[in-house]
Amino acid sequence: VWLDWQAAAPPDEDYAVFVHLVDGAEPTLYGSGDSNPSHLGRLTRTSLWPIGKTIYDGYVFEISPDTPPGDYVLQIGIYSREDLLRLPVENATGQVTDALPIAAVTVTSDNP
């Protein structure tokens, strides 16, 4: 998963990013890729992000092998490593939450 970040104001601390695959109906986590953000593969502290510059941040994660077939949501967000609190995000409709859904994912079974 490639994420493009851009700071509108100087971040006040170093944050971590999460990429989670969740069941839309229940808060069950089926895959994750929590990490410090990077820029083109090099770790970069969010407190040093220049205002207006795009940070190209990539993540790889595995979907849990016990994930049942079905439809899931891939969501992202940023949280504080100090207290684990997530930063608020505003979606396209103006709703403020602590995670931003970015894609729908369908898991299929490869068993006959």
PDB file of N, CA and C in Angstrom:
ATOM      1  N   VAL A   1       0.853  -1.171   0.000  1.00  0.00           N
ATOM      2  CA  VAL A   1       0.000   0.000   0.000  1.00  0.00           C
ATOM      3  C   VAL A   1       0.895   1.229   0.000  1.00  0.00           C
ATOM      4  N   TRP A   2       0.682   2.119  -0.952  1.00  0.00           N
ATOM      5  CA  TRP A   2       1.428   3.380  -0.997  1.00  0.00           C
ATOM      6  C   TRP A   2       0.534   4.504  -0.519  1.00  0.00           C
ATOM      7  N   LEU A   3       1.034   5.301   0.402  1.00  0.00           N
ATOM      8  CA  LEU A   3       0.310   6.443   0.937  1.00  0.00           C
ATOM      9  C   LEU A   3       1.099   7.701   0.640  1.00  0.00           C
ATOM     10  N   ASP A   4       0.419   8.740   0.250  1.00  0.00           N
ATOM     11  CA  ASP A   4       1.041  10.046   0.035  1.00  0.00           C
ATOM     12  C   ASP A   4       0.552  10.972   1.139  1.00  0.00           C
ATOM     13  N   TRP A   5       1.487  11.492   1.935  1.00  0.00           N
ATOM     14  CA  TRP A   5       1.161  12.393   3.038  1.00  0.00           C
ATOM     15  C   TRP A   5       1.669  13.788   2.704  1.00  0.00           C
ATOM     16  N   GLN A   6       1.001  14.773   3.264  1.00  0.00           N
ATOM     17  CA  GLN A   6       1.457  16.148   3.122  1.00  0.00           C
ATOM     18  C   GLN A   6       1.067  16.905   4.384  1.00  0.00           C
ATOM     19  N   ALA A   7       2.039  17.487   5.071  1.00  0.00           N
ATOM     20  CA  ALA A   7       1.784  18.220   6.311  1.00  0.00           C
ATOM     21  C   ALA A   7       1.267  19.617   5.983  1.00  0.00           C
ATOM     22  N   ALA A   8       0.126  19.982   6.571  1.00  0.00           N
ATOM     23  CA  ALA A   8      -0.421  21.330   6.418  1.00  0.00           C
ATOM     24  C   ALA A   8       0.143  22.263   7.490  1.00  0.00           C
ATOM     25  N   ALA A   9       0.630  21.662   8.578  1.00  0.00           N
ATOM     26  CA  ALA A   9       1.252  22.409   9.685  1.00  0.00           C
ATOM     27  C   ALA A   9       2.344  21.502  10.244  1.00  0.00           C
ATOM     28  N   PRO A  10       3.322  22.079  10.938  1.00  0.00           N
ATOM     29  CA  PRO A  10       4.398  21.241  11.491  1.00  0.00           C
ATOM     30  C   PRO A  10       3.856  20.249  12.530  1.00  0.00           C
ATOM     31  N   PRO A  11       4.058  18.940  12.325  1.00  0.00           N
ATOM     32  CA  PRO A  11       3.630  17.971  13.337  1.00  0.00           C
ATOM     33  C   PRO A  11       4.366  18.225  14.650  1.00  0.00           C
ATOM     34  N   ASP A  12       3.646  18.079  15.767  1.00  0.00           N
ATOM     35  CA  ASP A  12       4.218  18.410  17.064  1.00  0.00           C
ATOM     36  C   ASP A  12       4.975  17.262  17.724  1.00  0.00           C
ATOM     37  N   GLU A  13       4.923  16.081  17.124  1.00  0.00           N
ATOM     38  CA  GLU A  13       5.676  14.951  17.656  1.00  0.00           C
ATOM     39  C   GLU A  13       5.869  13.935  16.540  1.00  0.00           C
ATOM     40  N   ASP A  14       6.557  12.852  16.848  1.00  0.00           N
ATOM     41  CA  ASP A  14       6.756  11.790  15.867  1.00  0.00           C
ATOM     42  C   ASP A  14       5.636  10.762  16.019  1.00  0.00           C
ATOM     43  N   TYR A  15       4.901  10.584  14.951  1.00  0.00           N
ATOM     44  CA  TYR A  15       3.742   9.694  14.947  1.00  0.00           C
ATOM     45  C   TYR A  15       4.046   8.412  14.191  1.00  0.00           C
ATOM     46  N   ALA A  16       3.218   7.398  14.423  1.00  0.00           N
ATOM     47  CA  ALA A  16       3.273   6.148  13.682  1.00  0.00           C
ATOM     48  C   ALA A  16       2.026   6.063  12.810  1.00  0.00           C
ATOM     49  N   VAL A  17       2.112   5.253  11.782  1.00  0.00           N
ATOM     50  CA  VAL A  17       1.011   5.075  10.829  1.00  0.00           C
ATOM     51  C   VAL A  17       0.490   3.654  10.959  1.00  0.00           C
ATOM     52  N   PHE A  18      -0.834   3.497  10.840  1.00  0.00           N
ATOM     53  CA  PHE A  18      -1.384   2.148  10.777  1.00  0.00           C
ATOM     54  C   PHE A  18      -2.142   1.954   9.470  1.00  0.00           C
ATOM     55  N   VAL A  19      -2.036   0.748   8.961  1.00  0.00           N
ATOM     56  CA  VAL A  19      -2.815   0.283   7.817  1.00  0.00           C
ATOM     57  C   VAL A  19      -3.479  -0.994   8.307  1.00  0.00           C
ATOM     58  N   HIS A  20      -4.803  -0.976   8.406  1.00  0.00           N
ATOM     59  CA  HIS A  20      -5.537  -2.111   8.971  1.00  0.00           C
ATOM     60  C   HIS A  20      -6.584  -2.622   7.994  1.00  0.00           C
ATOM     61  N   LEU A  21      -6.719  -3.935   7.941  1.00  0.00           N
ATOM     62  CA  LEU A  21      -7.810  -4.566   7.209  1.00  0.00           C
ATOM     63  C   LEU A  21      -8.820  -5.021   8.257  1.00  0.00           C
ATOM     64  N   VAL A  22     -10.033  -4.477   8.193  1.00  0.00           N
ATOM     65  CA  VAL A  22     -11.038  -4.768   9.212  1.00  0.00           C
ATOM     66  C   VAL A  22     -12.340  -5.203   8.573  1.00  0.00           C
ATOM     67  N   ASP A  23     -13.104  -5.932   9.350  1.00  0.00           N
ATOM     68  CA  ASP A  23     -14.457  -6.310   8.972  1.00  0.00           C
ATOM     69  C   ASP A  23     -15.316  -5.072   9.176  1.00  0.00           C
ATOM     70  N   GLY A  24     -16.056  -4.669   8.183  1.00  0.00           N
ATOM     71  CA  GLY A  24     -16.872  -3.465   8.284  1.00  0.00           C
ATOM     72  C   GLY A  24     -17.967  -3.555   9.339  1.00  0.00           C
ATOM     73  N   ALA A  25     -18.487  -4.755   9.598  1.00  0.00           N
ATOM     74  CA  ALA A  25     -19.584  -4.917  10.553  1.00  0.00           C
ATOM     75  C   ALA A  25     -19.089  -5.034  11.990  1.00  0.00           C
ATOM     76  N   GLU A  26     -17.914  -5.585  12.165  1.00  0.00           N
ATOM     77  CA  GLU A  26     -17.366  -5.795  13.505  1.00  0.00           C
ATOM     78  C   GLU A  26     -15.951  -5.213  13.550  1.00  0.00           C
ATOM     79  N   PRO A  27     -15.493  -4.802  14.692  1.00  0.00           N
ATOM     80  CA  PRO A  27     -14.138  -4.236  14.770  1.00  0.00           C
ATOM     81  C   PRO A  27     -13.050  -5.309  14.849  1.00  0.00           C
ATOM     82  N   THR A  28     -13.122  -6.308  13.973  1.00  0.00           N
ATOM     83  CA  THR A  28     -12.141  -7.380  13.977  1.00  0.00           C
ATOM     84  C   THR A  28     -11.012  -7.051  13.015  1.00  0.00           C
ATOM     85  N   LEU A  29      -9.787  -7.172  13.485  1.00  0.00           N
ATOM     86  CA  LEU A  29      -8.608  -6.871  12.685  1.00  0.00           C
ATOM     87  C   LEU A  29      -8.126  -8.151  11.997  1.00  0.00           C
ATOM     88  N   TYR A  30      -8.003  -8.102  10.642  1.00  0.00           N
ATOM     89  CA  TYR A  30      -7.570  -9.269   9.879  1.00  0.00           C
ATOM     90  C   TYR A  30      -6.211  -9.081   9.209  1.00  0.00           C
ATOM     91  N   GLY A  31      -5.600  -7.935   9.364  1.00  0.00           N
ATOM     92  CA  GLY A  31      -4.274  -7.688   8.821  1.00  0.00           C
ATOM     93  C   GLY A  31      -3.849  -6.291   9.224  1.00  0.00           C
ATOM     94  N   SER A  32      -2.550  -6.095   9.451  1.00  0.00           N
ATOM     95  CA  SER A  32      -2.099  -4.764   9.844  1.00  0.00           C
ATOM     96  C   SER A  32      -0.680  -4.518   9.375  1.00  0.00           C
ATOM     97  N   GLY A  33      -0.332  -3.247   9.316  1.00  0.00           N
ATOM     98  CA  GLY A  33       1.000  -2.827   8.915  1.00  0.00           C
ATOM     99  C   GLY A  33       1.412  -1.572   9.655  1.00  0.00           C
ATOM    100  N   ASP A  34       1.391  -1.602  10.973  1.00  0.00           N
ATOM    101  CA  ASP A  34       1.778  -0.443  11.774  1.00  0.00           C
ATOM    102  C   ASP A  34       3.295  -0.219  11.686  1.00  0.00           C
ATOM    103  N   SER A  35       3.679   1.047  11.530  1.00  0.00           N
ATOM    104  CA  SER A  35       5.092   1.355  11.402  1.00  0.00           C
ATOM    105  C   SER A  35       5.322   2.852  11.511  1.00  0.00           C
ATOM    106  N   ASN A  36       6.584   3.215  11.688  1.00  0.00           N
ATOM    107  CA  ASN A  36       6.948   4.616  11.544  1.00  0.00           C
ATOM    108  C   ASN A  36       6.912   4.940  10.055  1.00  0.00           C
ATOM    109  N   PRO A  37       6.494   6.143   9.691  1.00  0.00           N
ATOM    110  CA  PRO A  37       6.422   6.467   8.268  1.00  0.00           C
ATOM    111  C   PRO A  37       7.805   6.560   7.625  1.00  0.00           C
ATOM    112  N   SER A  38       7.811   6.361   6.320  1.00  0.00           N
ATOM    113  CA  SER A  38       9.053   6.464   5.561  1.00  0.00           C
ATOM    114  C   SER A  38       8.798   7.329   4.331  1.00  0.00           C
ATOM    115  N   HIS A  39       9.862   7.784   3.726  1.00  0.00           N
ATOM    116  CA  HIS A  39       9.761   8.531   2.470  1.00  0.00           C
ATOM    117  C   HIS A  39      10.623   7.799   1.457  1.00  0.00           C
ATOM    118  N   LEU A  40       9.958   7.159   0.489  1.00  0.00           N
ATOM    119  CA  LEU A  40      10.652   6.381  -0.541  1.00  0.00           C
ATOM    120  C   LEU A  40      11.585   5.340   0.069  1.00  0.00           C
ATOM    121  N   GLY A  41      11.095   4.674   1.135  1.00  0.00           N
ATOM    122  CA  GLY A  41      11.848   3.596   1.761  1.00  0.00           C
ATOM    123  C   GLY A  41      12.775   3.998   2.890  1.00  0.00           C
ATOM    124  N   ARG A  42      12.968   5.291   3.120  1.00  0.00           N
ATOM    125  CA  ARG A  42      13.820   5.753   4.229  1.00  0.00           C
ATOM    126  C   ARG A  42      12.946   6.258   5.363  1.00  0.00           C
ATOM    127  N   LEU A  43      13.155   5.728   6.572  1.00  0.00           N
ATOM    128  CA  LEU A  43      12.369   6.197   7.710  1.00  0.00           C
ATOM    129  C   LEU A  43      12.514   7.701   7.854  1.00  0.00           C
ATOM    130  N   THR A  44      11.389   8.351   8.131  1.00  0.00           N
ATOM    131  CA  THR A  44      11.410   9.798   8.319  1.00  0.00           C
ATOM    132  C   THR A  44      10.482  10.167   9.465  1.00  0.00           C
ATOM    133  N   ARG A  45      10.985  10.911  10.415  1.00  0.00           N
ATOM    134  CA  ARG A  45      10.195  11.318  11.574  1.00  0.00           C
ATOM    135  C   ARG A  45       9.161  12.361  11.138  1.00  0.00           C
ATOM    136  N   THR A  46       7.931  12.203  11.600  1.00  0.00           N
ATOM    137  CA  THR A  46       6.884  13.155  11.211  1.00  0.00           C
ATOM    138  C   THR A  46       7.171  14.560  11.707  1.00  0.00           C
ATOM    139  N   SER A  47       7.888  14.697  12.822  1.00  0.00           N
ATOM    140  CA  SER A  47       8.206  16.035  13.339  1.00  0.00           C
ATOM    141  C   SER A  47       9.132  16.801  12.397  1.00  0.00           C
ATOM    142  N   LEU A  48       9.733  16.096  11.442  1.00  0.00           N
ATOM    143  CA  LEU A  48      10.630  16.741  10.484  1.00  0.00           C
ATOM    144  C   LEU A  48       9.997  16.906   9.097  1.00  0.00           C
ATOM    145  N   TRP A  49       8.725  16.532   8.942  1.00  0.00           N
ATOM    146  CA  TRP A  49       8.074  16.670   7.642  1.00  0.00           C
ATOM    147  C   TRP A  49       7.981  18.152   7.267  1.00  0.00           C
ATOM    148  N   PRO A  50       8.474  18.520   6.099  1.00  0.00           N
ATOM    149  CA  PRO A  50       8.344  19.912   5.660  1.00  0.00           C
ATOM    150  C   PRO A  50       6.909  20.202   5.218  1.00  0.00           C
ATOM    151  N   ILE A  51       6.427  21.371   5.526  1.00  0.00           N
ATOM    152  CA  ILE A  51       5.065  21.766   5.158  1.00  0.00           C
ATOM    153  C   ILE A  51       4.937  21.769   3.644  1.00  0.00           C
ATOM    154  N   GLY A  52       3.878  21.111   3.150  1.00  0.00           N
ATOM    155  CA  GLY A  52       3.566  21.125   1.730  1.00  0.00           C
ATOM    156  C   GLY A  52       4.328  20.135   0.877  1.00  0.00           C
ATOM    157  N   LYS A  53       5.353  19.467   1.420  1.00  0.00           N
ATOM    158  CA  LYS A  53       6.097  18.488   0.633  1.00  0.00           C
ATOM    159  C   LYS A  53       5.429  17.124   0.750  1.00  0.00           C
ATOM    160  N   THR A  54       5.316  16.419  -0.370  1.00  0.00           N
ATOM    161  CA  THR A  54       4.686  15.104  -0.358  1.00  0.00           C
ATOM    162  C   THR A  54       5.667  14.060   0.159  1.00  0.00           C
ATOM    163  N   ILE A  55       5.193  13.256   1.101  1.00  0.00           N
ATOM    164  CA  ILE A  55       5.945  12.139   1.656  1.00  0.00           C
ATOM    165  C   ILE A  55       5.341  10.870   1.058  1.00  0.00           C
ATOM    166  N   TYR A  56       6.139  10.079   0.359  1.00  0.00           N
ATOM    167  CA  TYR A  56       5.688   8.843  -0.279  1.00  0.00           C
ATOM    168  C   TYR A  56       6.039   7.675   0.634  1.00  0.00           C
ATOM    169  N   ASP A  57       5.013   7.085   1.241  1.00  0.00           N
ATOM    170  CA  ASP A  57       5.158   6.136   2.334  1.00  0.00           C
ATOM    171  C   ASP A  57       4.563   4.788   1.924  1.00  0.00           C
ATOM    172  N   GLY A  58       5.353   3.709   1.979  1.00  0.00           N
ATOM    173  CA  GLY A  58       4.877   2.396   1.554  1.00  0.00           C
ATOM    174  C   GLY A  58       4.780   1.392   2.689  1.00  0.00           C
ATOM    175  N   TYR A  59       3.785   0.497   2.596  1.00  0.00           N
ATOM    176  CA  TYR A  59       3.550  -0.529   3.613  1.00  0.00           C
ATOM    177  C   TYR A  59       3.249  -1.863   2.957  1.00  0.00           C
ATOM    178  N   VAL A  60       3.760  -2.920   3.567  1.00  0.00           N
ATOM    179  CA  VAL A  60       3.453  -4.282   3.154  1.00  0.00           C
ATOM    180  C   VAL A  60       2.927  -4.995   4.389  1.00  0.00           C
ATOM    181  N   PHE A  61       1.822  -5.703   4.208  1.00  0.00           N
ATOM    182  CA  PHE A  61       1.319  -6.495   5.329  1.00  0.00           C
ATOM    183  C   PHE A  61       0.620  -7.731   4.789  1.00  0.00           C
ATOM    184  N   GLU A  62       0.509  -8.746   5.633  1.00  0.00           N
ATOM    185  CA  GLU A  62      -0.157  -9.974   5.252  1.00  0.00           C
ATOM    186  C   GLU A  62      -1.559 -10.012   5.834  1.00  0.00           C
ATOM    187  N   ILE A  63      -2.464 -10.549   5.034  1.00  0.00           N
ATOM    188  CA  ILE A  63      -3.815 -10.807   5.542  1.00  0.00           C
ATOM    189  C   ILE A  63      -3.736 -12.098   6.342  1.00  0.00           C
ATOM    190  N   SER A  64      -4.305 -12.086   7.525  1.00  0.00           N
ATOM    191  CA  SER A  64      -4.266 -13.252   8.401  1.00  0.00           C
ATOM    192  C   SER A  64      -4.794 -14.485   7.665  1.00  0.00           C
ATOM    193  N   PRO A  65      -4.095 -15.629   7.768  1.00  0.00           N
ATOM    194  CA  PRO A  65      -4.532 -16.837   7.055  1.00  0.00           C
ATOM    195  C   PRO A  65      -5.889 -17.367   7.511  1.00  0.00           C
ATOM    196  N   ASP A  66      -6.350 -16.996   8.692  1.00  0.00           N
ATOM    197  CA  ASP A  66      -7.660 -17.459   9.161  1.00  0.00           C
ATOM    198  C   ASP A  66      -8.787 -16.479   8.816  1.00  0.00           C
ATOM    199  N   THR A  67      -8.516 -15.525   7.926  1.00  0.00           N
ATOM    200  CA  THR A  67      -9.540 -14.565   7.511  1.00  0.00           C
ATOM    201  C   THR A  67     -10.603 -15.276   6.677  1.00  0.00           C
ATOM    202  N   PRO A  68     -11.862 -15.229   7.107  1.00  0.00           N
ATOM    203  CA  PRO A  68     -12.907 -15.870   6.309  1.00  0.00           C
ATOM    204  C   PRO A  68     -13.171 -15.092   5.022  1.00  0.00           C
ATOM    205  N   PRO A  69     -13.611 -15.785   3.972  1.00  0.00           N
ATOM    206  CA  PRO A  69     -13.965 -15.077   2.747  1.00  0.00           C
ATOM    207  C   PRO A  69     -15.028 -14.019   3.033  1.00  0.00           C
ATOM    208  N   GLY A  70     -14.909 -12.891   2.361  1.00  0.00           N
ATOM    209  CA  GLY A  70     -15.886 -11.828   2.563  1.00  0.00           C
ATOM    210  C   GLY A  70     -15.327 -10.475   2.172  1.00  0.00           C
ATOM    211  N   ASP A  71     -16.108  -9.446   2.461  1.00  0.00           N
ATOM    212  CA  ASP A  71     -15.741  -8.075   2.130  1.00  0.00           C
ATOM    213  C   ASP A  71     -15.194  -7.372   3.366  1.00  0.00           C
ATOM    214  N   TYR A  72     -14.097  -6.639   3.163  1.00  0.00           N
ATOM    215  CA  TYR A  72     -13.401  -5.960   4.246  1.00  0.00           C
ATOM    216  C   TYR A  72     -13.078  -4.532   3.834  1.00  0.00           C
ATOM    217  N   VAL A  73     -12.627  -3.755   4.813  1.00  0.00           N
ATOM    218  CA  VAL A  73     -12.263  -2.362   4.576  1.00  0.00           C
ATOM    219  C   VAL A  73     -10.788  -2.176   4.941  1.00  0.00           C
ATOM    220  N   LEU A  74     -10.041  -1.551   4.041  1.00  0.00           N
ATOM    221  CA  LEU A  74      -8.665  -1.177   4.324  1.00  0.00           C
ATOM    222  C   LEU A  74      -8.699   0.255   4.835  1.00  0.00           C
ATOM    223  N   GLN A  75      -8.180   0.476   6.027  1.00  0.00           N
ATOM    224  CA  GLN A  75      -8.218   1.811   6.619  1.00  0.00           C
ATOM    225  C   GLN A  75      -6.830   2.223   7.106  1.00  0.00           C
ATOM    226  N   ILE A  76      -6.623   3.537   7.149  1.00  0.00           N
ATOM    227  CA  ILE A  76      -5.338   4.085   7.579  1.00  0.00           C
ATOM    228  C   ILE A  76      -5.562   5.141   8.649  1.00  0.00           C
ATOM    229  N   GLY A  77      -4.501   5.461   9.349  1.00  0.00           N
ATOM    230  CA  GLY A  77      -4.551   6.529  10.328  1.00  0.00           C
ATOM    231  C   GLY A  77      -3.173   6.757  10.924  1.00  0.00           C
ATOM    232  N   ILE A  78      -3.105   7.750  11.771  1.00  0.00           N
ATOM    233  CA  ILE A  78      -1.857   8.116  12.442  1.00  0.00           C
ATOM    234  C   ILE A  78      -2.125   8.150  13.940  1.00  0.00           C
ATOM    235  N   TYR A  79      -1.155   7.663  14.717  1.00  0.00           N
ATOM    236  CA  TYR A  79      -1.333   7.674  16.168  1.00  0.00           C
ATOM    237  C   TYR A  79      -0.029   8.036  16.870  1.00  0.00           C
ATOM    238  N   SER A  80      -0.173   8.459  18.103  1.00  0.00           N
ATOM    239  CA  SER A  80       0.964   8.825  18.948  1.00  0.00           C
ATOM    240  C   SER A  80       1.585   7.575  19.539  1.00  0.00           C
ATOM    241  N   ARG A  81       2.887   7.453  19.432  1.00  0.00           N
ATOM    242  CA  ARG A  81       3.590   6.321  20.059  1.00  0.00           C
ATOM    243  C   ARG A  81       3.607   6.477  21.580  1.00  0.00           C
ATOM    244  N   GLU A  82       3.499   7.708  22.069  1.00  0.00           N
ATOM    245  CA  GLU A  82       3.560   7.958  23.514  1.00  0.00           C
ATOM    246  C   GLU A  82       2.337   7.435  24.243  1.00  0.00           C
ATOM    247  N   ASP A  83       1.140   7.766  23.736  1.00  0.00           N
ATOM    248  CA  ASP A  83      -0.080   7.378  24.440  1.00  0.00           C
ATOM    249  C   ASP A  83      -1.017   6.493  23.618  1.00  0.00           C
ATOM    250  N   LEU A  84      -0.612   6.144  22.390  1.00  0.00           N
ATOM    251  CA  LEU A  84      -1.362   5.289  21.467  1.00  0.00           C
ATOM    252  C   LEU A  84      -2.693   5.901  20.999  1.00  0.00           C
ATOM    253  N   LEU A  85      -2.890   7.199  21.248  1.00  0.00           N
ATOM    254  CA  LEU A  85      -4.113   7.857  20.792  1.00  0.00           C
ATOM    255  C   LEU A  85      -4.006   8.190  19.312  1.00  0.00           C
ATOM    256  N   ARG A  86      -5.102   7.916  18.591  1.00  0.00           N
ATOM    257  CA  ARG A  86      -5.142   8.204  17.162  1.00  0.00           C
ATOM    258  C   ARG A  86      -5.494   9.668  16.915  1.00  0.00           C
ATOM    259  N   LEU A  87      -4.894  10.236  15.881  1.00  0.00           N
ATOM    260  CA  LEU A  87      -5.245  11.596  15.478  1.00  0.00           C
ATOM    261  C   LEU A  87      -6.582  11.572  14.750  1.00  0.00           C
ATOM    262  N   PRO A  88      -7.383  12.619  14.909  1.00  0.00           N
ATOM    263  CA  PRO A  88      -8.652  12.669  14.180  1.00  0.00           C
ATOM    264  C   PRO A  88      -8.404  12.910  12.694  1.00  0.00           C
ATOM    265  N   VAL A  89      -9.249  12.286  11.859  1.00  0.00           N
ATOM    266  CA  VAL A  89      -9.208  12.489  10.413  1.00  0.00           C
ATOM    267  C   VAL A  89     -10.603  12.835   9.925  1.00  0.00           C
ATOM    268  N   GLU A  90     -10.669  13.633   8.885  1.00  0.00           N
ATOM    269  CA  GLU A  90     -11.957  14.028   8.314  1.00  0.00           C
ATOM    270  C   GLU A  90     -12.116  13.348   6.970  1.00  0.00           C
ATOM    271  N   ASN A  91     -13.237  12.628   6.798  1.00  0.00           N
ATOM    272  CA  ASN A  91     -13.450  11.949   5.530  1.00  0.00           C
ATOM    273  C   ASN A  91     -14.070  12.900   4.503  1.00  0.00           C
ATOM    274  N   ALA A  92     -14.360  12.386   3.326  1.00  0.00           N
ATOM    275  CA  ALA A  92     -14.852  13.213   2.219  1.00  0.00           C
ATOM    276  C   ALA A  92     -16.188  13.878   2.519  1.00  0.00           C
ATOM    277  N   THR A  93     -16.975  13.321   3.427  1.00  0.00           N
ATOM    278  CA  THR A  93     -18.280  13.905   3.768  1.00  0.00           C
ATOM    279  C   THR A  93     -18.206  14.834   4.968  1.00  0.00           C
ATOM    280  N   GLY A  94     -17.001  15.041   5.514  1.00  0.00           N
ATOM    281  CA  GLY A  94     -16.839  15.944   6.648  1.00  0.00           C
ATOM    282  C   GLY A  94     -16.942  15.280   8.002  1.00  0.00           C
ATOM    283  N   GLN A  95     -17.181  13.972   8.026  1.00  0.00           N
ATOM    284  CA  GLN A  95     -17.267  13.248   9.293  1.00  0.00           C
ATOM    285  C   GLN A  95     -15.864  13.064   9.868  1.00  0.00           C
ATOM    286  N   VAL A  96     -15.710  13.317  11.160  1.00  0.00           N
ATOM    287  CA  VAL A  96     -14.416  13.154  11.827  1.00  0.00           C
ATOM    288  C   VAL A  96     -14.399  11.815  12.558  1.00  0.00           C
ATOM    289  N   THR A  97     -13.368  11.018  12.273  1.00  0.00           N
ATOM    290  CA  THR A  97     -13.197   9.710  12.899  1.00  0.00           C
ATOM    291  C   THR A  97     -11.728   9.548  13.275  1.00  0.00           C
ATOM    292  N   ASP A  98     -11.350   8.344  13.677  1.00  0.00           N
ATOM    293  CA  ASP A  98      -9.938   8.105  13.997  1.00  0.00           C
ATOM    294  C   ASP A  98      -9.245   7.201  12.981  1.00  0.00           C
ATOM    295  N   ALA A  99      -9.948   6.869  11.888  1.00  0.00           N
ATOM    296  CA  ALA A  99      -9.368   6.059  10.807  1.00  0.00           C
ATOM    297  C   ALA A  99     -10.060   6.435   9.507  1.00  0.00           C
ATOM    298  N   LEU A 100      -9.312   6.378   8.415  1.00  0.00           N
ATOM    299  CA  LEU A 100      -9.845   6.753   7.115  1.00  0.00           C
ATOM    300  C   LEU A 100      -9.911   5.516   6.226  1.00  0.00           C
ATOM    301  N   PRO A 101     -11.127   5.104   5.814  1.00  0.00           N
ATOM    302  CA  PRO A 101     -11.208   3.967   4.889  1.00  0.00           C
ATOM    303  C   PRO A 101     -10.691   4.392   3.519  1.00  0.00           C
ATOM    304  N   ILE A 102      -9.808   3.557   2.940  1.00  0.00           N
ATOM    305  CA  ILE A 102      -9.232   3.929   1.646  1.00  0.00           C
ATOM    306  C   ILE A 102      -9.561   2.933   0.535  1.00  0.00           C
ATOM    307  N   ALA A 103     -10.009   1.725   0.896  1.00  0.00           N
ATOM    308  CA  ALA A 103     -10.308   0.736  -0.145  1.00  0.00           C
ATOM    309  C   ALA A 103     -11.202  -0.360   0.411  1.00  0.00           C
ATOM    310  N   ALA A 104     -11.985  -0.933  -0.486  1.00  0.00           N
ATOM    311  CA  ALA A 104     -12.744  -2.144  -0.170  1.00  0.00           C
ATOM    312  C   ALA A 104     -11.922  -3.328  -0.661  1.00  0.00           C
ATOM    313  N   VAL A 105     -11.867  -4.389   0.130  1.00  0.00           N
ATOM    314  CA  VAL A 105     -11.080  -5.570  -0.208  1.00  0.00           C
ATOM    315  C   VAL A 105     -11.979  -6.785  -0.079  1.00  0.00           C
ATOM    316  N   THR A 106     -11.969  -7.633  -1.110  1.00  0.00           N
ATOM    317  CA  THR A 106     -12.705  -8.900  -1.050  1.00  0.00           C
ATOM    318  C   THR A 106     -11.720 -10.038  -0.909  1.00  0.00           C
ATOM    319  N   VAL A 107     -11.899 -10.852   0.128  1.00  0.00           N
ATOM    320  CA  VAL A 107     -11.063 -12.023   0.364  1.00  0.00           C
ATOM    321  C   VAL A 107     -11.839 -13.230  -0.124  1.00  0.00           C
ATOM    322  N   THR A 108     -11.193 -14.033  -0.965  1.00  0.00           N
ATOM    323  CA  THR A 108     -11.827 -15.245  -1.471  1.00  0.00           C
ATOM    324  C   THR A 108     -11.079 -16.463  -0.945  1.00  0.00           C
ATOM    325  N   SER A 109     -11.734 -17.589  -0.968  1.00  0.00           N
ATOM    326  CA  SER A 109     -11.111 -18.825  -0.530  1.00  0.00           C
ATOM    327  C   SER A 109     -10.478 -19.505  -1.723  1.00  0.00           C
ATOM    328  N   ASP A 110      -9.283 -20.068  -1.529  1.00  0.00           N
ATOM    329  CA  ASP A 110      -8.654 -20.816  -2.611  1.00  0.00           C
ATOM    330  C   ASP A 110      -8.845 -22.323  -2.421  1.00  0.00           C
ATOM    331  N   ASN A 111      -9.683 -22.693  -1.429  1.00  0.00           N
ATOM    332  CA  ASN A 111      -9.979 -24.106  -1.201  1.00  0.00           C
ATOM    333  C   ASN A 111     -11.108 -24.536  -2.117  1.00  0.00           C
ATOM    334  N   PRO A 112     -10.994 -25.745  -2.713  1.00  0.00           N
ATOM    335  CA  PRO A 112     -12.088 -26.221  -3.604  1.00  0.00           C
ATOM    336  C   PRO A 112     -13.342 -26.543  -2.830  1.00  0.00           C
TER     337      PRO A 112
END
